Amino acid sequence: MNKQPANIRPVKGVLMMMISNFILKSRNGYNNDYICKYMPIEVAKSSISNHQIWMKKTELLNDEREKKVIPELFEDMSWIHYDWIKDIDFSETRNYYVSCFSKSINNSHMQDGYGECLYGYKNDRIVDLIGPIGLYTLTKKADADADLPDTMKRPYIAQVITFDVLYDIEEAKTELQYLFSVIDMFDLSDNNKKMFLQEILQYWILSVKDSKWKAERERRYVIFLYDDYEYIETELDDTFLKVKTSLFITPDFIIGKNPSKWEIMRQLAAKRKALFSKEYLFCENCLMQDHDVAIHEKPEKCPICGSKNIRMIYHENA
């Protein structure tokens, strides 16, 4: 409609983000479950003072087959029905860092493997809280106001993609076939369609794992970083990307013997008081606050942890 080619910026970037978000966020009822992070006690203790989330480089994740499942699907081309799809290069085009959450709440296997302190979230505000802050340098144009400085720095939030991991190869193939059909409709040459697919598959390469991991029900957050960009409130070392965040001081609920519980309680109390708009259910045990569950009548126990140590909070006792 706009007479703009799908493979030329900025249209290309917009299309890739729209298509990948539409497909990847269609998985598993994306926003229908609670999301949680399991952490060891020592990490839970330090997170309350350093206000950071640490994300590993992809090559250091605990699955030795990380990033291998998607490329392997293209080794047997019998399920692919487009001649323009061939010789896809899966080499990384940027630096990736991954933070792994789970949709499996109160899972003893996850607590044994990743840590007994559970931080829970009722919706996906996580993506807005873990993106590194970058600085973009603007250069004054020749016809700009003379009073403007020659350069100005402006902040932006780095790109974060998020999805539920797939553990079923056939389901992954069906999803990719839909992606192929979308790209095939573009008014592009076969080579340009292939290059568009090759680039957008960078969004998929970390999104499918072997079936042995399916009990983890992983929600994955992938940070895109570039070598020649400037970032603030962000640290990099040989293992981790460390980003400043409020994620672990204001979770929606916590489970386990968390050494930072009292500080989290204080922060959540301040947040609730600032945002108070209607009565809500509060659990003294896991610190859950629910503004919807008690609309008709107060439940007998907490819907998260099962504790009966719950109460309704009204304006007069907030």
C-alpha atoms as a PDB file:
ATOM      1  CA  MET A   1       0.000   0.000   0.000  1.00  0.00           C
ATOM      2  CA  ASN A   2       2.847   2.404   0.801  1.00  0.00           C
ATOM      3  CA  LYS A   3       5.007   1.283  -2.133  1.00  0.00           C
ATOM      4  CA  GLN A   4       7.784   0.498   0.349  1.00  0.00           C
ATOM      5  CA  PRO A   5       9.869  -2.686  -0.062  1.00  0.00           C
ATOM      6  CA  ALA A   6       9.600  -5.138   2.846  1.00  0.00           C
ATOM      7  CA  ASN A   7      13.366  -5.665   2.934  1.00  0.00           C
ATOM      8  CA  ILE A   8      14.436  -2.005   3.339  1.00  0.00           C
ATOM      9  CA  ARG A   9      14.713  -0.184   6.672  1.00  0.00           C
ATOM     10  CA  PRO A  10      12.728   1.035   8.530  1.00  0.00           C
ATOM     11  CA  VAL A  11       9.870  -1.070   7.132  1.00  0.00           C
ATOM     12  CA  LYS A  12      11.933  -4.250   7.402  1.00  0.00           C
ATOM     13  CA  GLY A  13      12.592  -3.771  11.123  1.00  0.00           C
ATOM     14  CA  VAL A  14       8.966  -2.942  11.887  1.00  0.00           C
ATOM     15  CA  LEU A  15       7.742  -5.998   9.974  1.00  0.00           C
ATOM     16  CA  MET A  16      10.200  -8.317  11.678  1.00  0.00           C
ATOM     17  CA  MET A  17       9.186  -7.162  15.150  1.00  0.00           C
ATOM     18  CA  MET A  18       5.459  -7.321  14.342  1.00  0.00           C
ATOM     19  CA  ILE A  19       5.603 -10.759  12.729  1.00  0.00           C
ATOM     20  CA  SER A  20       7.851 -12.314  15.378  1.00  0.00           C
ATOM     21  CA  ASN A  21       5.802 -10.858  18.256  1.00  0.00           C
ATOM     22  CA  PHE A  22       2.528 -12.009  16.705  1.00  0.00           C
ATOM     23  CA  ILE A  23       3.727 -15.588  16.247  1.00  0.00           C
ATOM     24  CA  LEU A  24       5.974 -16.070  19.285  1.00  0.00           C
ATOM     25  CA  LYS A  25       3.436 -14.542  21.676  1.00  0.00           C
ATOM     26  CA  SER A  26       0.703 -16.841  20.341  1.00  0.00           C
ATOM     27  CA  ARG A  27       2.304 -19.776  22.143  1.00  0.00           C
ATOM     28  CA  ASN A  28       0.667 -21.529  25.112  1.00  0.00           C
ATOM     29  CA  GLY A  29      -1.769 -18.794  26.134  1.00  0.00           C
ATOM     30  CA  TYR A  30       1.050 -16.298  26.522  1.00  0.00           C
ATOM     31  CA  ASN A  31      -0.412 -14.166  29.330  1.00  0.00           C
ATOM     32  CA  ASN A  32      -2.704 -16.724  30.987  1.00  0.00           C
ATOM     33  CA  ASP A  33      -0.351 -18.039  33.673  1.00  0.00           C
ATOM     34  CA  TYR A  34       1.789 -16.707  36.484  1.00  0.00           C
ATOM     35  CA  ILE A  35       5.474 -16.262  35.712  1.00  0.00           C
ATOM     36  CA  CYS A  36       8.213 -16.872  38.249  1.00  0.00           C
ATOM     37  CA  LYS A  37      11.957 -16.763  38.772  1.00  0.00           C
ATOM     38  CA  TYR A  38      13.725 -19.339  40.966  1.00  0.00           C
ATOM     39  CA  MET A  39      16.864 -18.060  42.700  1.00  0.00           C
ATOM     40  CA  PRO A  40      19.330 -19.428  45.276  1.00  0.00           C
ATOM     41  CA  ILE A  41      19.255 -17.878  48.745  1.00  0.00           C
ATOM     42  CA  GLU A  42      22.570 -16.041  48.284  1.00  0.00           C
ATOM     43  CA  VAL A  43      21.364 -14.452  45.020  1.00  0.00           C
ATOM     44  CA  ALA A  44      18.061 -13.417  46.618  1.00  0.00           C
ATOM     45  CA  LYS A  45      20.036 -11.799  49.418  1.00  0.00           C
ATOM     46  CA  SER A  46      22.346  -9.835  47.119  1.00  0.00           C
ATOM     47  CA  SER A  47      19.607  -8.760  44.687  1.00  0.00           C
ATOM     48  CA  ILE A  48      17.980  -6.546  47.309  1.00  0.00           C
ATOM     49  CA  SER A  49      21.137  -4.434  47.592  1.00  0.00           C
ATOM     50  CA  ASN A  50      22.594  -4.457  44.076  1.00  0.00           C
ATOM     51  CA  HIS A  51      19.181  -4.088  42.344  1.00  0.00           C
ATOM     52  CA  GLN A  52      20.404  -6.137  39.390  1.00  0.00           C
ATOM     53  CA  ILE A  53      19.307  -9.007  37.212  1.00  0.00           C
ATOM     54  CA  TRP A  54      22.141 -11.131  35.823  1.00  0.00           C
ATOM     55  CA  MET A  55      21.800 -12.717  32.386  1.00  0.00           C
ATOM     56  CA  LYS A  56      24.177 -15.272  30.952  1.00  0.00           C
ATOM     57  CA  LYS A  57      25.699 -15.358  27.515  1.00  0.00           C
ATOM     58  CA  THR A  58      23.868 -17.972  25.474  1.00  0.00           C
ATOM     59  CA  GLU A  59      26.915 -20.230  25.158  1.00  0.00           C
ATOM     60  CA  LEU A  60      27.040 -20.530  28.961  1.00  0.00           C
ATOM     61  CA  LEU A  61      23.454 -21.713  29.474  1.00  0.00           C
ATOM     62  CA  ASN A  62      22.935 -25.150  31.039  1.00  0.00           C
ATOM     63  CA  ASP A  63      21.699 -26.874  27.855  1.00  0.00           C
ATOM     64  CA  GLU A  64      24.591 -28.069  25.709  1.00  0.00           C
ATOM     65  CA  ARG A  65      22.219 -28.157  22.703  1.00  0.00           C
ATOM     66  CA  GLU A  66      21.251 -24.505  23.025  1.00  0.00           C
ATOM     67  CA  LYS A  67      20.727 -22.890  19.578  1.00  0.00           C
ATOM     68  CA  LYS A  68      21.062 -26.239  17.777  1.00  0.00           C
ATOM     69  CA  VAL A  69      17.439 -27.416  17.493  1.00  0.00           C
ATOM     70  CA  ILE A  70      16.209 -24.857  14.935  1.00  0.00           C
ATOM     71  CA  PRO A  71      19.216 -25.219  12.558  1.00  0.00           C
ATOM     72  CA  GLU A  72      18.824 -29.021  12.694  1.00  0.00           C
ATOM     73  CA  LEU A  73      15.259 -28.702  11.392  1.00  0.00           C
ATOM     74  CA  PHE A  74      16.650 -27.271   8.171  1.00  0.00           C
ATOM     75  CA  GLU A  75      18.994 -30.207   7.560  1.00  0.00           C
ATOM     76  CA  ASP A  76      16.043 -32.286   6.284  1.00  0.00           C
ATOM     77  CA  MET A  77      14.119 -30.027   3.911  1.00  0.00           C
ATOM     78  CA  SER A  78      11.292 -32.481   3.163  1.00  0.00           C
ATOM     79  CA  TRP A  79       8.798 -30.521   5.312  1.00  0.00           C
ATOM     80  CA  ILE A  80       9.594 -27.200   3.568  1.00  0.00           C
ATOM     81  CA  HIS A  81       7.613 -26.444   0.408  1.00  0.00           C
ATOM     82  CA  TYR A  82       9.210 -23.251  -0.872  1.00  0.00           C
ATOM     83  CA  ASP A  83      12.091 -23.357  -3.355  1.00  0.00           C
ATOM     84  CA  TRP A  84      13.517 -20.055  -2.114  1.00  0.00           C
ATOM     85  CA  ILE A  85      14.282 -21.532   1.333  1.00  0.00           C
ATOM     86  CA  LYS A  86      17.750 -23.032   1.151  1.00  0.00           C
ATOM     87  CA  ASP A  87      21.238 -22.640   2.606  1.00  0.00           C
ATOM     88  CA  ILE A  88      20.079 -20.614   5.618  1.00  0.00           C
ATOM     89  CA  ASP A  89      22.981 -19.124   7.583  1.00  0.00           C
ATOM     90  CA  PHE A  90      22.295 -19.237  11.334  1.00  0.00           C
ATOM     91  CA  SER A  91      25.414 -17.316  12.390  1.00  0.00           C
ATOM     92  CA  GLU A  92      24.670 -14.840  15.182  1.00  0.00           C
ATOM     93  CA  THR A  93      24.334 -11.244  14.005  1.00  0.00           C
ATOM     94  CA  ARG A  94      24.415  -9.633  17.479  1.00  0.00           C
ATOM     95  CA  ASN A  95      25.207 -10.448  21.120  1.00  0.00           C
ATOM     96  CA  TYR A  96      22.470 -12.351  22.960  1.00  0.00           C
ATOM     97  CA  TYR A  97      21.911 -12.585  26.698  1.00  0.00           C
ATOM     98  CA  VAL A  98      19.165 -14.732  28.176  1.00  0.00           C
ATOM     99  CA  SER A  99      17.155 -14.588  31.390  1.00  0.00           C
ATOM    100  CA  CYS A 100      15.067 -17.669  32.099  1.00  0.00           C
ATOM    101  CA  PHE A 101      11.776 -17.582  34.002  1.00  0.00           C
ATOM    102  CA  SER A 102       9.188 -20.340  34.411  1.00  0.00           C
ATOM    103  CA  LYS A 103       5.413 -20.804  34.227  1.00  0.00           C
ATOM    104  CA  SER A 104       5.670 -23.749  36.624  1.00  0.00           C
ATOM    105  CA  ILE A 105       4.849 -22.369  40.094  1.00  0.00           C
ATOM    106  CA  ASN A 106       5.892 -24.134  43.316  1.00  0.00           C
ATOM    107  CA  ASN A 107       7.791 -26.837  41.439  1.00  0.00           C
ATOM    108  CA  SER A 108      10.107 -28.749  43.815  1.00  0.00           C
ATOM    109  CA  HIS A 109      12.265 -29.944  40.894  1.00  0.00           C
ATOM    110  CA  MET A 110      12.837 -26.327  39.829  1.00  0.00           C
ATOM    111  CA  GLN A 111      13.605 -25.280  43.409  1.00  0.00           C
ATOM    112  CA  ASP A 112      16.171 -28.080  43.729  1.00  0.00           C
ATOM    113  CA  GLY A 113      17.800 -27.169  40.416  1.00  0.00           C
ATOM    114  CA  TYR A 114      17.689 -23.381  40.413  1.00  0.00           C
ATOM    115  CA  GLY A 115      17.029 -22.157  43.964  1.00  0.00           C
ATOM    116  CA  GLU A 116      14.347 -22.257  46.634  1.00  0.00           C
ATOM    117  CA  CYS A 117      13.434 -18.554  46.519  1.00  0.00           C
ATOM    118  CA  LEU A 118      10.583 -17.975  44.085  1.00  0.00           C
ATOM    119  CA  TYR A 119       9.685 -14.502  42.779  1.00  0.00           C
ATOM    120  CA  GLY A 120       6.258 -14.482  41.139  1.00  0.00           C
ATOM    121  CA  TYR A 121       4.591 -12.129  38.640  1.00  0.00           C
ATOM    122  CA  LYS A 122       0.953 -12.034  37.577  1.00  0.00           C
ATOM    123  CA  ASN A 123       1.536 -10.511  34.150  1.00  0.00           C
ATOM    124  CA  ASP A 124       4.398  -9.784  31.829  1.00  0.00           C
ATOM    125  CA  ARG A 125       5.690  -6.450  33.109  1.00  0.00           C
ATOM    126  CA  ILE A 126       9.098  -8.147  33.255  1.00  0.00           C
ATOM    127  CA  VAL A 127       9.991  -7.206  29.697  1.00  0.00           C
ATOM    128  CA  ASP A 128       9.686  -3.494  30.600  1.00  0.00           C
ATOM    129  CA  LEU A 129      11.969  -3.814  33.624  1.00  0.00           C
ATOM    130  CA  ILE A 130      14.993  -5.733  32.339  1.00  0.00           C
ATOM    131  CA  GLY A 131      15.842  -3.946  29.095  1.00  0.00           C
ATOM    132  CA  PRO A 132      19.226  -2.155  29.318  1.00  0.00           C
ATOM    133  CA  ILE A 133      19.182   1.612  28.849  1.00  0.00           C
ATOM    134  CA  GLY A 134      21.155   2.676  25.801  1.00  0.00           C
ATOM    135  CA  LEU A 135      22.321   6.138  24.750  1.00  0.00           C
ATOM    136  CA  TYR A 136      21.879   7.268  21.178  1.00  0.00           C
ATOM    137  CA  THR A 137      23.932  10.226  19.919  1.00  0.00           C
ATOM    138  CA  LEU A 138      22.071  12.724  17.746  1.00  0.00           C
ATOM    139  CA  THR A 139      24.137  14.957  15.463  1.00  0.00           C
ATOM    140  CA  LYS A 140      22.917  18.454  14.604  1.00  0.00           C
ATOM    141  CA  LYS A 141      21.826  18.887  11.000  1.00  0.00           C
ATOM    142  CA  ALA A 142      23.127  21.734   8.874  1.00  0.00           C
ATOM    143  CA  ASP A 143      19.797  23.608   8.889  1.00  0.00           C
ATOM    144  CA  ALA A 144      19.145  23.182  12.649  1.00  0.00           C
ATOM    145  CA  ASP A 145      18.847  26.004  15.164  1.00  0.00           C
ATOM    146  CA  ALA A 146      22.260  27.553  15.838  1.00  0.00           C
ATOM    147  CA  ASP A 147      21.690  27.407  19.601  1.00  0.00           C
ATOM    148  CA  LEU A 148      21.523  23.612  19.590  1.00  0.00           C
ATOM    149  CA  PRO A 149      24.681  21.694  20.581  1.00  0.00           C
ATOM    150  CA  ASP A 150      26.537  19.795  17.877  1.00  0.00           C
ATOM    151  CA  THR A 151      25.607  16.452  19.490  1.00  0.00           C
ATOM    152  CA  MET A 152      22.974  15.329  21.995  1.00  0.00           C
ATOM    153  CA  LYS A 153      22.546  12.012  23.758  1.00  0.00           C
ATOM    154  CA  ARG A 154      19.086  10.510  24.156  1.00  0.00           C
ATOM    155  CA  PRO A 155      18.200   7.356  26.132  1.00  0.00           C
ATOM    156  CA  TYR A 156      16.287   4.388  24.751  1.00  0.00           C
ATOM    157  CA  ILE A 157      15.388   0.913  25.993  1.00  0.00           C
ATOM    158  CA  ALA A 158      17.337  -1.894  24.323  1.00  0.00           C
ATOM    159  CA  GLN A 159      15.394  -4.522  22.408  1.00  0.00           C
ATOM    160  CA  VAL A 160      14.022  -7.420  24.454  1.00  0.00           C
ATOM    161  CA  ILE A 161      12.169 -10.327  22.886  1.00  0.00           C
ATOM    162  CA  THR A 162      10.179 -12.761  24.970  1.00  0.00           C
ATOM    163  CA  PHE A 163       8.408 -16.052  24.347  1.00  0.00           C
ATOM    164  CA  ASP A 164       7.415 -19.367  25.848  1.00  0.00           C
ATOM    165  CA  VAL A 165       9.903 -22.035  24.789  1.00  0.00           C
ATOM    166  CA  LEU A 166       8.591 -24.822  22.552  1.00  0.00           C
ATOM    167  CA  TYR A 167       9.581 -28.444  23.244  1.00  0.00           C
ATOM    168  CA  ASP A 168       7.705 -30.135  20.381  1.00  0.00           C
ATOM    169  CA  ILE A 169       9.461 -30.386  17.012  1.00  0.00           C
ATOM    170  CA  GLU A 170       6.271 -30.845  15.000  1.00  0.00           C
ATOM    171  CA  GLU A 171       4.686 -27.817  16.651  1.00  0.00           C
ATOM    172  CA  ALA A 172       7.812 -25.797  15.824  1.00  0.00           C
ATOM    173  CA  LYS A 173       7.602 -26.894  12.176  1.00  0.00           C
ATOM    174  CA  THR A 174       3.942 -25.861  11.947  1.00  0.00           C
ATOM    175  CA  GLU A 175       4.802 -22.453  13.374  1.00  0.00           C
ATOM    176  CA  LEU A 176       7.684 -22.003  10.936  1.00  0.00           C
ATOM    177  CA  GLN A 177       5.520 -23.034   7.989  1.00  0.00           C
ATOM    178  CA  TYR A 178       3.156 -20.224   8.900  1.00  0.00           C
ATOM    179  CA  LEU A 179       6.125 -17.831   9.020  1.00  0.00           C
ATOM    180  CA  PHE A 180       7.242 -19.031   5.561  1.00  0.00           C
ATOM    181  CA  SER A 181       3.743 -18.421   4.160  1.00  0.00           C
ATOM    182  CA  VAL A 182       3.741 -14.828   5.427  1.00  0.00           C
ATOM    183  CA  ILE A 183       7.141 -14.028   3.920  1.00  0.00           C
ATOM    184  CA  ASP A 184       6.181 -15.713   0.638  1.00  0.00           C
ATOM    185  CA  MET A 185       3.404 -13.128   0.165  1.00  0.00           C
ATOM    186  CA  PHE A 186       5.872 -10.244   0.069  1.00  0.00           C
ATOM    187  CA  ASP A 187       6.578  -8.696  -3.322  1.00  0.00           C
ATOM    188  CA  LEU A 188      10.256  -9.664  -3.170  1.00  0.00           C
ATOM    189  CA  SER A 189      12.668 -11.711  -5.235  1.00  0.00           C
ATOM    190  CA  ASP A 190      13.348 -15.254  -4.036  1.00  0.00           C
ATOM    191  CA  ASN A 191      16.782 -14.225  -2.803  1.00  0.00           C
ATOM    192  CA  ASN A 192      15.375 -11.283  -0.832  1.00  0.00           C
ATOM    193  CA  LYS A 193      12.715 -13.531   0.704  1.00  0.00           C
ATOM    194  CA  LYS A 194      15.453 -15.889   1.791  1.00  0.00           C
ATOM    195  CA  MET A 195      17.487 -13.058   3.313  1.00  0.00           C
ATOM    196  CA  PHE A 196      14.399 -11.745   5.154  1.00  0.00           C
ATOM    197  CA  LEU A 197      13.754 -15.231   6.561  1.00  0.00           C
ATOM    198  CA  GLN A 198      17.400 -15.695   7.494  1.00  0.00           C
ATOM    199  CA  GLU A 199      17.362 -12.479   9.495  1.00  0.00           C
ATOM    200  CA  ILE A 200      14.040 -13.037  11.251  1.00  0.00           C
ATOM    201  CA  LEU A 201      15.064 -16.579  12.262  1.00  0.00           C
ATOM    202  CA  GLN A 202      17.492 -14.929  14.692  1.00  0.00           C
ATOM    203  CA  TYR A 203      14.348 -14.380  16.801  1.00  0.00           C
ATOM    204  CA  TRP A 204      13.580 -18.127  16.688  1.00  0.00           C
ATOM    205  CA  ILE A 205      16.974 -19.710  17.271  1.00  0.00           C
ATOM    206  CA  LEU A 206      16.685 -19.640  21.081  1.00  0.00           C
ATOM    207  CA  SER A 207      12.977 -20.445  21.225  1.00  0.00           C
ATOM    208  CA  VAL A 208      12.918 -24.239  20.739  1.00  0.00           C
ATOM    209  CA  LYS A 209      14.531 -26.851  23.002  1.00  0.00           C
ATOM    210  CA  ASP A 210      14.564 -30.632  23.291  1.00  0.00           C
ATOM    211  CA  SER A 211      11.531 -32.296  24.908  1.00  0.00           C
ATOM    212  CA  LYS A 212      13.497 -33.398  27.998  1.00  0.00           C
ATOM    213  CA  TRP A 213      13.247 -29.801  29.283  1.00  0.00           C
ATOM    214  CA  LYS A 214       9.465 -29.448  28.928  1.00  0.00           C
ATOM    215  CA  ALA A 215       8.718 -29.774  32.671  1.00  0.00           C
ATOM    216  CA  GLU A 216      10.416 -26.394  33.186  1.00  0.00           C
ATOM    217  CA  ARG A 217       7.765 -24.550  31.112  1.00  0.00           C
ATOM    218  CA  GLU A 218      10.285 -21.831  30.397  1.00  0.00           C
ATOM    219  CA  ARG A 219       9.436 -18.212  29.651  1.00  0.00           C
ATOM    220  CA  ARG A 220      12.534 -16.746  28.073  1.00  0.00           C
ATOM    221  CA  TYR A 221      13.712 -13.138  27.774  1.00  0.00           C
ATOM    222  CA  VAL A 222      16.421 -12.413  25.225  1.00  0.00           C
ATOM    223  CA  ILE A 223      18.360  -9.144  25.234  1.00  0.00           C
ATOM    224  CA  PHE A 224      19.841  -7.885  21.962  1.00  0.00           C
ATOM    225  CA  LEU A 225      23.095  -5.961  22.474  1.00  0.00           C
ATOM    226  CA  TYR A 226      25.427  -4.401  19.922  1.00  0.00           C
ATOM    227  CA  ASP A 227      29.166  -3.796  20.323  1.00  0.00           C
ATOM    228  CA  ASP A 228      29.196  -0.213  19.059  1.00  0.00           C
ATOM    229  CA  TYR A 229      26.317   1.054  21.256  1.00  0.00           C
ATOM    230  CA  GLU A 230      26.662   2.832  24.608  1.00  0.00           C
ATOM    231  CA  TYR A 231      24.702   1.538  27.612  1.00  0.00           C
ATOM    232  CA  ILE A 232      24.237   2.921  31.128  1.00  0.00           C
ATOM    233  CA  GLU A 233      23.356   1.236  34.445  1.00  0.00           C
ATOM    234  CA  THR A 234      24.641  -1.919  32.788  1.00  0.00           C
ATOM    235  CA  GLU A 235      27.720  -4.043  33.522  1.00  0.00           C
ATOM    236  CA  LEU A 236      29.366  -6.676  31.352  1.00  0.00           C
ATOM    237  CA  ASP A 237      31.878  -9.334  32.304  1.00  0.00           C
ATOM    238  CA  ASP A 238      33.000 -12.637  30.802  1.00  0.00           C
ATOM    239  CA  THR A 239      29.879 -14.447  32.013  1.00  0.00           C
ATOM    240  CA  PHE A 240      27.045 -12.049  32.770  1.00  0.00           C
ATOM    241  CA  LEU A 241      25.181  -8.999  31.592  1.00  0.00           C
ATOM    242  CA  LYS A 242      24.076  -7.148  34.773  1.00  0.00           C
ATOM    243  CA  VAL A 243      21.177  -4.726  34.394  1.00  0.00           C
ATOM    244  CA  LYS A 244      19.704  -2.429  37.051  1.00  0.00           C
ATOM    245  CA  THR A 245      16.057  -3.288  37.763  1.00  0.00           C
ATOM    246  CA  SER A 246      13.329  -3.028  40.401  1.00  0.00           C
ATOM    247  CA  LEU A 247      12.100  -6.497  39.484  1.00  0.00           C
ATOM    248  CA  PHE A 248      13.198  -8.213  42.697  1.00  0.00           C
ATOM    249  CA  ILE A 249      12.117  -5.547  45.197  1.00  0.00           C
ATOM    250  CA  THR A 250       8.485  -5.417  44.019  1.00  0.00           C
ATOM    251  CA  PRO A 251       7.446  -8.918  42.874  1.00  0.00           C
ATOM    252  CA  ASP A 252       3.735  -9.770  42.936  1.00  0.00           C
ATOM    253  CA  PHE A 253       4.391 -12.605  45.390  1.00  0.00           C
ATOM    254  CA  ILE A 254       7.240 -14.668  46.850  1.00  0.00           C
ATOM    255  CA  ILE A 255       7.471 -18.305  47.954  1.00  0.00           C
ATOM    256  CA  GLY A 256      10.250 -19.972  49.952  1.00  0.00           C
ATOM    257  CA  LYS A 257      12.515 -18.824  52.771  1.00  0.00           C
ATOM    258  CA  ASN A 258      13.575 -15.552  51.206  1.00  0.00           C
ATOM    259  CA  PRO A 259      16.264 -13.671  53.220  1.00  0.00           C
ATOM    260  CA  SER A 260      15.027 -10.364  51.759  1.00  0.00           C
ATOM    261  CA  LYS A 261      11.368 -10.850  52.664  1.00  0.00           C
ATOM    262  CA  TRP A 262      11.177  -7.942  55.120  1.00  0.00           C
ATOM    263  CA  GLU A 263      12.609  -5.410  52.677  1.00  0.00           C
ATOM    264  CA  ILE A 264      10.310  -6.723  49.928  1.00  0.00           C
ATOM    265  CA  MET A 265       7.362  -6.343  52.320  1.00  0.00           C
ATOM    266  CA  ARG A 266       8.346  -2.718  52.981  1.00  0.00           C
ATOM    267  CA  GLN A 267       8.699  -1.905  49.283  1.00  0.00           C
ATOM    268  CA  LEU A 268       5.411  -3.595  48.392  1.00  0.00           C
ATOM    269  CA  ALA A 269       3.578  -1.792  51.189  1.00  0.00           C
ATOM    270  CA  ALA A 270       4.788   1.554  49.820  1.00  0.00           C
ATOM    271  CA  LYS A 271       3.789   0.545  46.286  1.00  0.00           C
ATOM    272  CA  ARG A 272       0.312  -0.604  47.356  1.00  0.00           C
ATOM    273  CA  LYS A 273      -0.305   2.597  49.287  1.00  0.00           C
ATOM    274  CA  ALA A 274       0.767   4.739  46.331  1.00  0.00           C
ATOM    275  CA  LEU A 275      -1.387   2.828  43.837  1.00  0.00           C
ATOM    276  CA  PHE A 276      -4.408   2.111  46.054  1.00  0.00           C
ATOM    277  CA  SER A 277      -7.679   2.437  44.104  1.00  0.00           C
ATOM    278  CA  LYS A 278      -9.958  -0.312  45.456  1.00  0.00           C
ATOM    279  CA  GLU A 279     -10.024  -3.038  48.074  1.00  0.00           C
ATOM    280  CA  TYR A 280      -7.854  -6.078  47.486  1.00  0.00           C
ATOM    281  CA  LEU A 281      -6.943  -9.444  48.940  1.00  0.00           C
ATOM    282  CA  PHE A 282      -3.561  -9.639  50.676  1.00  0.00           C
ATOM    283  CA  CYS A 283      -1.679 -12.775  51.745  1.00  0.00           C
ATOM    284  CA  GLU A 284       0.597 -12.354  54.760  1.00  0.00           C
ATOM    285  CA  ASN A 285       2.546 -15.464  53.762  1.00  0.00           C
ATOM    286  CA  CYS A 286       3.572 -14.964  50.105  1.00  0.00           C
ATOM    287  CA  LEU A 287       2.754 -11.209  49.931  1.00  0.00           C
ATOM    288  CA  MET A 288       0.321 -11.721  47.045  1.00  0.00           C
ATOM    289  CA  GLN A 289      -1.997  -8.773  46.314  1.00  0.00           C
ATOM    290  CA  ASP A 290      -5.044  -9.560  44.177  1.00  0.00           C
ATOM    291  CA  HIS A 291      -7.550  -6.885  43.170  1.00  0.00           C
ATOM    292  CA  ASP A 292      -9.827  -9.260  41.233  1.00  0.00           C
ATOM    293  CA  VAL A 293     -10.070 -12.593  43.038  1.00  0.00           C
ATOM    294  CA  ALA A 294     -12.293 -11.276  45.845  1.00  0.00           C
ATOM    295  CA  ILE A 295     -14.792  -9.265  43.777  1.00  0.00           C
ATOM    296  CA  HIS A 296     -17.713 -11.531  44.716  1.00  0.00           C
ATOM    297  CA  GLU A 297     -16.567 -13.015  48.029  1.00  0.00           C
ATOM    298  CA  LYS A 298     -13.375 -13.478  49.980  1.00  0.00           C
ATOM    299  CA  PRO A 299     -11.762 -16.873  49.239  1.00  0.00           C
ATOM    300  CA  GLU A 300     -10.901 -19.216  52.100  1.00  0.00           C
ATOM    301  CA  LYS A 301      -7.221 -19.415  51.201  1.00  0.00           C
ATOM    302  CA  CYS A 302      -4.563 -17.745  49.075  1.00  0.00           C
ATOM    303  CA  PRO A 303      -4.859 -18.796  45.398  1.00  0.00           C
ATOM    304  CA  ILE A 304      -1.047 -18.759  45.114  1.00  0.00           C
ATOM    305  CA  CYS A 305       0.424 -20.502  48.170  1.00  0.00           C
ATOM    306  CA  GLY A 306      -2.697 -21.954  49.831  1.00  0.00           C
ATOM    307  CA  SER A 307      -2.195 -20.092  53.123  1.00  0.00           C
ATOM    308  CA  LYS A 308      -5.257 -19.120  55.176  1.00  0.00           C
ATOM    309  CA  ASN A 309      -3.371 -16.125  56.565  1.00  0.00           C
ATOM    310  CA  ILE A 310      -5.158 -13.695  54.249  1.00  0.00           C
ATOM    311  CA  ARG A 311      -7.168 -10.512  54.706  1.00  0.00           C
ATOM    312  CA  MET A 312      -8.991  -7.876  52.734  1.00  0.00           C
ATOM    313  CA  ILE A 313      -7.439  -4.417  52.598  1.00  0.00           C
ATOM    314  CA  TYR A 314      -9.853  -1.474  52.543  1.00  0.00           C
ATOM    315  CA  HIS A 315      -9.213   2.265  52.432  1.00  0.00           C
ATOM    316  CA  GLU A 316      -9.624   2.634  56.162  1.00  0.00           C
ATOM    317  CA  ASN A 317      -6.882   0.085  56.996  1.00  0.00           C
ATOM    318  CA  ALA A 318      -4.538   0.600  54.021  1.00  0.00           C
END
